[in-house]
Amino acid sequence: MLTELEDKRGKLRQESLAFEDRRSQLNAEASKWAAKRNELNKATKELIDKAYESKKLRDESNKNVAQSKKKRDESNEKINQLSLKIDDIRKKHNLSGERTIRDPRHEIDLLEFRQQTEVLSPDKEKHLVDKIAALRAELKGRKEPLEKNEELRKHLDEAQALRDQSSNYHNQVIKFAELAQEYHDQMIGAFKEADQTRAEADAAQKEFLKAQ
């Protein structure tokens, strides 16, 4: 009877030790999954924070796009109003014509570039030089009456300054639009990564509960 009890006690002790070993293994497993879950939850939070930061920057860039567009449009409207005044002055003083000052200036630039970059025969070279000289004379003739009219010159200078301003605003529109798209792509990418790490964290939580 005593021997039987000793055997049972020994068996129970072995079972208890085996249970403790199993419990230790499960606790270690649970700790491993808990650590992985916590790590993934932290990564998810960081990705979500990154996504919202990108969203904030995207929205700011879109706001800058709208502001730059508004300023560009305002400059263009002022240019249109000045153009009407310029046309009125030209008509009033018989300064209008089919060709503007920019036309001969552009032709001169093209011909001078050709003269510098092409090998020409003496006759073609002389013809080119004569044509450039004629265009310079035409340009001078067109500038003189304009320069004498202070009001017209003032409006022309103002219109050119506004064109430069409008061009700068347009470049800003392009720059901020590109930034907005870049931040939008970053936001979408971060949200997708966050969804993935969240799913992995949920899987780790299930493994943790199984090991409890």
Protein backbone atom coordinates (compact mmCIF):
# COMPACT_ATOMS: atom_id res chain seq x y z
CA MET A 1 0.00 0.00 0.00
CA LEU A 2 2.81 2.38 0.93
CA THR A 3 4.70 1.47 -2.23
CA GLU A 4 1.65 2.17 -4.34
CA LEU A 5 1.22 5.58 -2.73
CA GLU A 6 4.91 6.37 -3.30
CA ASP A 7 4.53 5.42 -6.96
CA LYS A 8 1.49 7.63 -7.33
CA ARG A 9 3.25 10.53 -5.62
CA GLY A 10 6.27 10.07 -7.88
CA LYS A 11 4.05 9.99 -10.93
CA LEU A 12 2.19 13.12 -9.82
CA ARG A 13 5.48 14.89 -9.21
CA GLN A 14 6.67 14.00 -12.70
CA GLU A 15 3.39 15.24 -14.14
CA SER A 16 3.70 18.44 -12.09
CA LEU A 17 7.27 19.02 -13.33
CA ALA A 18 6.14 18.37 -16.90
CA PHE A 19 3.27 20.82 -16.43
CA GLU A 20 5.66 23.42 -15.01
CA ASP A 21 8.00 22.93 -17.97
CA ARG A 22 5.08 23.29 -20.35
CA ARG A 23 3.87 26.37 -18.45
CA SER A 24 7.35 27.89 -18.69
CA GLN A 25 7.45 27.17 -22.42
CA LEU A 26 4.04 28.76 -22.90
CA ASN A 27 5.02 31.78 -20.81
CA ALA A 28 8.17 32.20 -22.90
CA GLU A 29 6.07 31.82 -26.06
CA ALA A 30 3.54 34.34 -24.75
CA SER A 31 6.33 36.80 -23.88
CA LYS A 32 7.79 36.42 -27.36
CA TRP A 33 4.44 37.11 -29.05
CA ALA A 34 3.69 39.97 -26.64
CA ALA A 35 7.03 41.60 -27.49
CA LYS A 36 6.40 41.17 -31.21
CA ARG A 37 2.85 42.53 -30.84
CA ASN A 38 4.10 45.57 -28.93
CA GLU A 39 6.83 46.17 -31.51
CA LEU A 40 4.32 45.95 -34.36
CA ASN A 41 1.84 48.23 -32.56
CA LYS A 42 4.62 50.78 -32.07
CA ALA A 43 5.56 50.54 -35.76
CA THR A 44 1.89 50.94 -36.72
CA LYS A 45 1.57 54.08 -34.60
CA GLU A 46 4.75 55.56 -36.10
CA LEU A 47 3.48 54.85 -39.62
CA ILE A 48 0.10 56.43 -38.88
CA ASP A 49 1.85 59.50 -37.42
CA LYS A 50 3.98 59.66 -40.56
CA ALA A 51 0.88 59.37 -42.76
CA TYR A 52 -0.88 62.22 -40.96
CA GLU A 53 2.25 64.38 -41.12
CA SER A 54 2.39 63.77 -44.89
CA LYS A 55 -1.30 64.61 -45.11
CA LYS A 56 -0.68 67.88 -43.26
CA LEU A 57 2.17 68.78 -45.63
CA ARG A 58 0.04 67.80 -48.64
CA ASP A 59 -2.80 70.03 -47.49
CA GLU A 60 -0.38 72.92 -46.90
CA SER A 61 1.06 72.45 -50.39
CA ASN A 62 -2.42 72.40 -51.92
CA LYS A 63 -3.20 75.61 -50.03
CA ASN A 64 -0.03 77.16 -51.48
CA VAL A 65 -1.09 76.00 -54.95
CA ALA A 66 -4.44 77.78 -54.54
CA GLN A 67 -2.79 80.96 -53.23
CA SER A 68 -0.21 81.02 -56.04
CA LYS A 69 -2.93 80.44 -58.64
CA LYS A 70 -4.94 83.31 -57.21
CA LYS A 71 -1.93 85.67 -57.31
CA ARG A 72 -1.05 84.52 -60.83
CA ASP A 73 -4.61 85.15 -62.02
CA GLU A 74 -4.63 88.58 -60.36
CA SER A 75 -1.39 89.48 -62.15
CA ASN A 76 -2.82 88.26 -65.48
CA GLU A 77 -5.94 90.34 -64.94
CA LYS A 78 -3.80 93.43 -64.33
CA ILE A 79 -1.84 92.63 -67.49
CA ASN A 80 -5.09 92.45 -69.46
CA GLN A 81 -6.21 95.81 -68.10
CA LEU A 82 -2.83 97.36 -68.93
CA SER A 83 -2.95 95.87 -72.43
CA LEU A 84 -6.21 97.68 -73.07
CA LYS A 85 -4.65 100.97 -71.94
CA ILE A 86 -1.57 100.32 -74.08
CA ASP A 87 -3.73 99.60 -77.14
CA ASP A 88 -5.69 102.81 -76.56
CA ILE A 89 -2.50 104.89 -76.36
CA ARG A 90 -1.04 103.26 -79.48
CA LYS A 91 -4.22 103.94 -81.43
CA LYS A 92 -4.47 107.49 -80.13
CA HIS A 93 -0.89 108.32 -81.17
CA ASN A 94 -0.82 106.11 -84.29
CA LEU A 95 1.79 103.82 -82.71
CA SER A 96 0.04 100.57 -83.51
CA GLY A 97 1.18 98.22 -86.24
CA GLU A 98 1.19 94.62 -87.33
CA ARG A 99 4.59 93.95 -85.81
CA THR A 100 5.59 94.58 -82.21
CA ILE A 101 9.07 95.43 -80.95
CA ARG A 102 9.57 91.81 -79.98
CA ASP A 103 9.16 90.62 -83.60
CA PRO A 104 12.34 92.22 -85.06
CA ARG A 105 14.21 91.55 -81.79
CA HIS A 106 13.39 87.84 -82.06
CA GLU A 107 14.40 87.74 -85.74
CA ILE A 108 17.69 89.47 -84.95
CA ASP A 109 18.47 86.89 -82.25
CA LEU A 110 17.76 84.00 -84.65
CA LEU A 111 19.85 85.49 -87.47
CA GLU A 112 22.79 86.30 -85.18
CA PHE A 113 22.71 82.73 -83.84
CA ARG A 114 22.74 81.43 -87.42
CA GLN A 115 25.65 83.75 -88.27
CA GLN A 116 27.65 82.42 -85.31
CA THR A 117 26.94 78.71 -85.79
CA GLU A 118 26.71 78.17 -89.58
CA VAL A 119 29.41 78.23 -92.25
CA LEU A 120 28.12 80.61 -94.94
CA SER A 121 29.36 81.67 -98.34
CA PRO A 122 30.47 85.33 -98.68
CA ASP A 123 27.25 86.22 -100.54
CA LYS A 124 25.03 84.57 -97.90
CA GLU A 125 27.08 86.16 -95.12
CA LYS A 126 26.63 89.62 -96.68
CA HIS A 127 22.89 89.02 -97.17
CA LEU A 128 22.58 87.97 -93.51
CA VAL A 129 24.51 91.00 -92.26
CA ASP A 130 22.39 93.35 -94.38
CA LYS A 131 19.19 91.76 -93.09
CA ILE A 132 20.32 92.10 -89.47
CA ALA A 133 21.20 95.75 -90.06
CA ALA A 134 17.76 96.39 -91.61
CA LEU A 135 16.04 94.73 -88.67
CA ARG A 136 18.10 96.80 -86.22
CA ALA A 137 17.02 99.94 -88.05
CA GLU A 138 13.40 98.80 -87.91
CA LEU A 139 13.73 98.05 -84.20
CA LYS A 140 15.20 101.48 -83.55
CA GLY A 141 12.43 103.12 -85.53
CA ARG A 142 9.77 101.31 -83.54
CA LYS A 143 11.37 102.06 -80.17
CA GLU A 144 11.84 105.79 -80.69
CA PRO A 145 8.15 106.83 -80.69
CA LEU A 146 7.46 104.46 -77.81
CA GLU A 147 10.30 105.86 -75.74
CA LYS A 148 9.06 109.40 -76.34
CA ASN A 149 5.64 108.55 -74.93
CA GLU A 150 6.23 108.37 -71.16
CA GLU A 151 2.77 107.07 -70.34
CA LEU A 152 3.12 104.22 -72.83
CA ARG A 153 6.63 103.38 -71.70
CA LYS A 154 5.45 103.32 -68.09
CA HIS A 155 2.60 100.93 -68.92
CA LEU A 156 4.89 98.71 -70.99
CA ASP A 157 7.42 98.47 -68.15
CA GLU A 158 4.65 97.74 -65.67
CA ALA A 159 3.16 95.09 -67.94
CA GLN A 160 6.54 93.39 -68.31
CA ALA A 161 7.06 93.41 -64.54
CA LEU A 162 3.63 91.84 -64.12
CA ARG A 163 4.44 89.17 -66.73
CA ASP A 164 7.59 88.29 -64.79
CA GLN A 165 5.54 88.18 -61.59
CA SER A 166 2.88 85.99 -63.19
CA SER A 167 5.58 83.64 -64.47
CA ASN A 168 7.04 83.33 -60.95
CA TYR A 169 3.62 82.55 -59.51
CA HIS A 170 3.05 79.95 -62.22
CA ASN A 171 6.37 78.28 -61.35
CA GLN A 172 5.25 78.22 -57.71
CA VAL A 173 1.98 76.57 -58.74
CA ILE A 174 3.94 73.80 -60.48
CA LYS A 175 6.39 73.40 -57.58
CA PHE A 176 3.70 73.18 -54.89
CA ALA A 177 1.54 70.87 -57.02
CA GLU A 178 4.48 68.48 -57.39
CA LEU A 179 5.12 68.64 -53.63
CA ALA A 180 1.43 67.98 -52.91
CA GLN A 181 1.52 64.86 -55.11
CA GLU A 182 4.74 63.68 -53.45
CA TYR A 183 3.28 64.08 -49.95
CA HIS A 184 0.03 62.41 -51.07
CA ASP A 185 1.97 59.37 -52.31
CA GLN A 186 3.91 59.24 -49.03
CA MET A 187 0.64 59.40 -47.06
CA ILE A 188 -0.94 56.56 -49.05
CA GLY A 189 2.22 54.44 -48.72
CA ALA A 190 2.39 54.98 -44.94
CA PHE A 191 -1.29 54.09 -44.47
CA LYS A 192 -0.80 50.88 -46.48
CA GLU A 193 2.24 49.93 -44.41
CA ALA A 194 0.28 50.70 -41.22
CA ASP A 195 -2.53 48.37 -42.36
CA GLN A 196 0.02 45.61 -42.91
CA THR A 197 1.77 46.01 -39.54
CA ARG A 198 -1.63 46.28 -37.80
CA ALA A 199 -2.66 42.95 -39.34
CA GLU A 200 0.64 41.40 -38.21
CA ALA A 201 0.11 42.82 -34.70
CA ASP A 202 -3.41 41.28 -34.60
CA ALA A 203 -1.93 37.91 -35.62
CA ALA A 204 0.71 38.21 -32.88
CA GLN A 205 -2.05 39.03 -30.34
CA LYS A 206 -3.89 35.82 -31.30
CA GLU A 207 -0.71 33.79 -30.80
CA PHE A 208 -0.18 35.53 -27.45
CA LEU A 209 -3.70 34.57 -26.29
CA LYS A 210 -3.19 30.99 -27.43
CA ALA A 211 -0.04 30.80 -25.28
CA GLN A 212 -1.81 32.20 -22.20
